[in-house]
Amino acid sequence: MEFLVVSTVVGWLLLTADLAMGDVGTATSYNPPYVPTKCNGYNTGQFPPDNQFVAAGVEVWDNGAACGRKYRLRCLNGASRRVCKDGNIVVQVVDGCRGSPCPSTFQLSNDAFGAISHTPNAKINVEYVLI
């Protein structure tokens, strides 16, 4: 019985470890038009079919090397009590931050932001990991 309990706990830890070891940053949403981008200009084929994409802030932009990278994001909290939705999303970097100074670590497409936050124009804290 003890082995079963230990095996279950270890299995759960392995399943959740990828986000438990992530970095913490911020996220905001940004509105269309989403082209041109700093990664692939006017090529609309750069966008994932589920519209889960981001513009990368200076923390992850890496002088453009971030183009095409995928991150798993999870909303941690925000200014309001119930801003976060449960779960996480996978997003792809298609652009560099569009503001100066950049308002967040990630600027999420409206679809991506809506998948993790109840509040459309909030600034939220997120946990993220490169996948």
Protein backbone atom coordinates (compact mmCIF):
# COMPACT_ATOMS: atom_id res chain seq x y z
CA MET A 1 0.00 0.00 0.00
CA GLU A 2 2.81 2.39 0.87
CA PHE A 3 4.40 1.77 -2.54
CA LEU A 4 1.12 2.67 -4.27
CA VAL A 5 0.86 5.97 -2.39
CA VAL A 6 4.49 6.87 -3.13
CA SER A 7 4.08 5.91 -6.81
CA THR A 8 0.96 8.05 -7.11
CA VAL A 9 2.63 11.07 -5.52
CA VAL A 10 5.74 10.72 -7.70
CA GLY A 11 3.59 10.40 -10.82
CA TRP A 12 1.63 13.54 -9.93
CA LEU A 13 4.85 15.45 -9.29
CA LEU A 14 6.25 14.44 -12.67
CA LEU A 15 3.08 15.57 -14.44
CA THR A 16 3.08 18.99 -12.77
CA ALA A 17 6.84 19.60 -12.63
CA ASP A 18 7.07 21.37 -15.97
CA LEU A 19 5.15 24.42 -14.70
CA ALA A 20 6.41 24.20 -11.14
CA MET A 21 9.88 25.01 -12.43
CA GLY A 22 8.83 27.82 -14.74
CA ASP A 23 9.71 31.48 -14.66
CA VAL A 24 7.29 34.18 -13.54
CA GLY A 25 6.44 37.16 -15.70
CA THR A 26 3.51 39.29 -16.81
CA ALA A 27 1.05 39.15 -19.69
CA THR A 28 -1.24 41.60 -21.41
CA SER A 29 -3.37 41.28 -24.53
CA TYR A 30 -2.89 43.09 -27.80
CA ASN A 31 -5.36 43.78 -30.56
CA PRO A 32 -5.27 43.16 -34.32
CA PRO A 33 -4.01 43.84 -36.85
CA TYR A 34 -1.35 41.26 -36.01
CA VAL A 35 0.63 41.77 -39.23
CA PRO A 36 3.26 42.72 -40.06
CA THR A 37 5.28 40.91 -37.41
CA LYS A 38 8.97 41.16 -36.59
CA CYS A 39 9.34 37.42 -37.22
CA ASN A 40 7.72 36.81 -40.62
CA GLY A 41 6.31 40.11 -41.86
CA TYR A 42 2.97 39.76 -43.65
CA ASN A 43 3.03 35.94 -43.88
CA THR A 44 -0.25 34.83 -42.28
CA GLY A 45 0.98 31.21 -42.32
CA GLN A 46 3.12 32.02 -39.27
CA PHE A 47 0.09 32.01 -36.98
CA PRO A 48 -0.90 28.74 -35.31
CA PRO A 49 -4.37 27.52 -36.33
CA ASP A 50 -5.77 27.96 -32.80
CA ASN A 51 -4.61 31.62 -32.66
CA GLN A 52 -2.62 30.98 -29.49
CA PHE A 53 0.32 33.30 -30.20
CA VAL A 54 2.29 36.04 -28.50
CA ALA A 55 4.55 39.00 -29.05
CA ALA A 56 7.62 38.50 -26.86
CA GLY A 57 8.82 41.11 -24.40
CA VAL A 58 12.48 41.95 -23.89
CA GLU A 59 12.87 39.21 -21.25
CA VAL A 60 12.33 36.46 -23.84
CA TRP A 61 12.80 38.17 -27.23
CA ASP A 62 16.51 37.25 -27.41
CA ASN A 63 17.23 39.60 -30.37
CA GLY A 64 14.66 37.77 -32.49
CA ALA A 65 15.80 34.23 -31.67
CA ALA A 66 12.48 33.75 -29.85
CA CYS A 67 10.59 33.61 -33.18
CA GLY A 68 8.80 30.29 -33.40
CA ARG A 69 9.50 29.27 -29.80
CA LYS A 70 6.63 27.77 -27.85
CA TYR A 71 5.85 28.45 -24.22
CA ARG A 72 3.40 26.92 -21.78
CA LEU A 73 1.67 29.71 -19.82
CA ARG A 74 -0.48 29.62 -16.71
CA CYS A 75 -2.24 32.58 -15.13
CA LEU A 76 -1.20 33.09 -11.50
CA ASN A 77 -3.07 36.22 -10.43
CA GLY A 78 -3.93 39.79 -11.30
CA ALA A 79 -5.38 42.96 -9.83
CA SER A 80 -8.87 41.49 -9.44
CA ARG A 81 -9.63 38.44 -7.35
CA ARG A 82 -10.97 36.14 -10.05
CA VAL A 83 -9.00 37.14 -13.10
CA CYS A 84 -7.49 33.70 -13.82
CA LYS A 85 -9.05 30.74 -15.56
CA ASP A 86 -7.90 27.24 -14.66
CA GLY A 87 -5.40 25.38 -16.79
CA ASN A 88 -2.60 26.43 -19.08
CA ILE A 89 -2.08 27.17 -22.75
CA VAL A 90 0.71 26.68 -25.27
CA VAL A 91 1.59 29.78 -27.28
CA GLN A 92 4.00 30.47 -30.11
CA VAL A 93 6.13 33.59 -30.47
CA VAL A 94 5.34 35.38 -33.76
CA ASP A 95 6.40 38.94 -32.95
CA GLY A 96 8.38 41.19 -30.68
CA CYS A 97 6.72 43.50 -28.22
CA ARG A 98 4.79 46.33 -29.85
CA GLY A 99 5.21 48.92 -27.14
CA SER A 100 8.10 50.98 -25.92
CA PRO A 101 8.64 50.37 -23.14
CA CYS A 102 7.14 46.91 -23.41
CA PRO A 103 4.21 46.57 -20.99
CA SER A 104 4.74 42.86 -20.19
CA THR A 105 6.82 39.73 -20.67
CA PHE A 106 4.24 38.47 -23.19
CA GLN A 107 1.61 40.29 -25.22
CA LEU A 108 -1.00 37.63 -25.99
CA SER A 109 -3.37 37.52 -28.92
CA ASN A 110 -6.94 38.18 -27.83
CA ASP A 111 -7.77 34.46 -28.24
CA ALA A 112 -4.79 33.37 -26.14
CA PHE A 113 -5.48 35.93 -23.42
CA GLY A 114 -9.15 34.95 -23.29
CA ALA A 115 -8.13 31.33 -22.75
CA ILE A 116 -6.39 32.08 -19.43
CA SER A 117 -8.04 35.27 -18.13
CA HIS A 118 -11.63 36.27 -17.38
CA THR A 119 -10.72 39.95 -17.71
CA PRO A 120 -9.80 41.03 -21.27
CA ASN A 121 -7.77 44.18 -20.59
CA ALA A 122 -5.96 43.17 -17.41
CA LYS A 123 -2.28 42.81 -16.69
CA ILE A 124 -1.77 39.38 -15.17
CA ASN A 125 1.09 37.47 -13.62
CA VAL A 126 1.93 34.25 -15.42
CA GLU A 127 4.17 31.28 -14.96
CA TYR A 128 5.88 30.22 -18.18
CA VAL A 129 8.19 27.52 -19.42
CA LEU A 130 9.86 27.03 -22.79
CA ILE A 131 8.74 23.78 -24.40
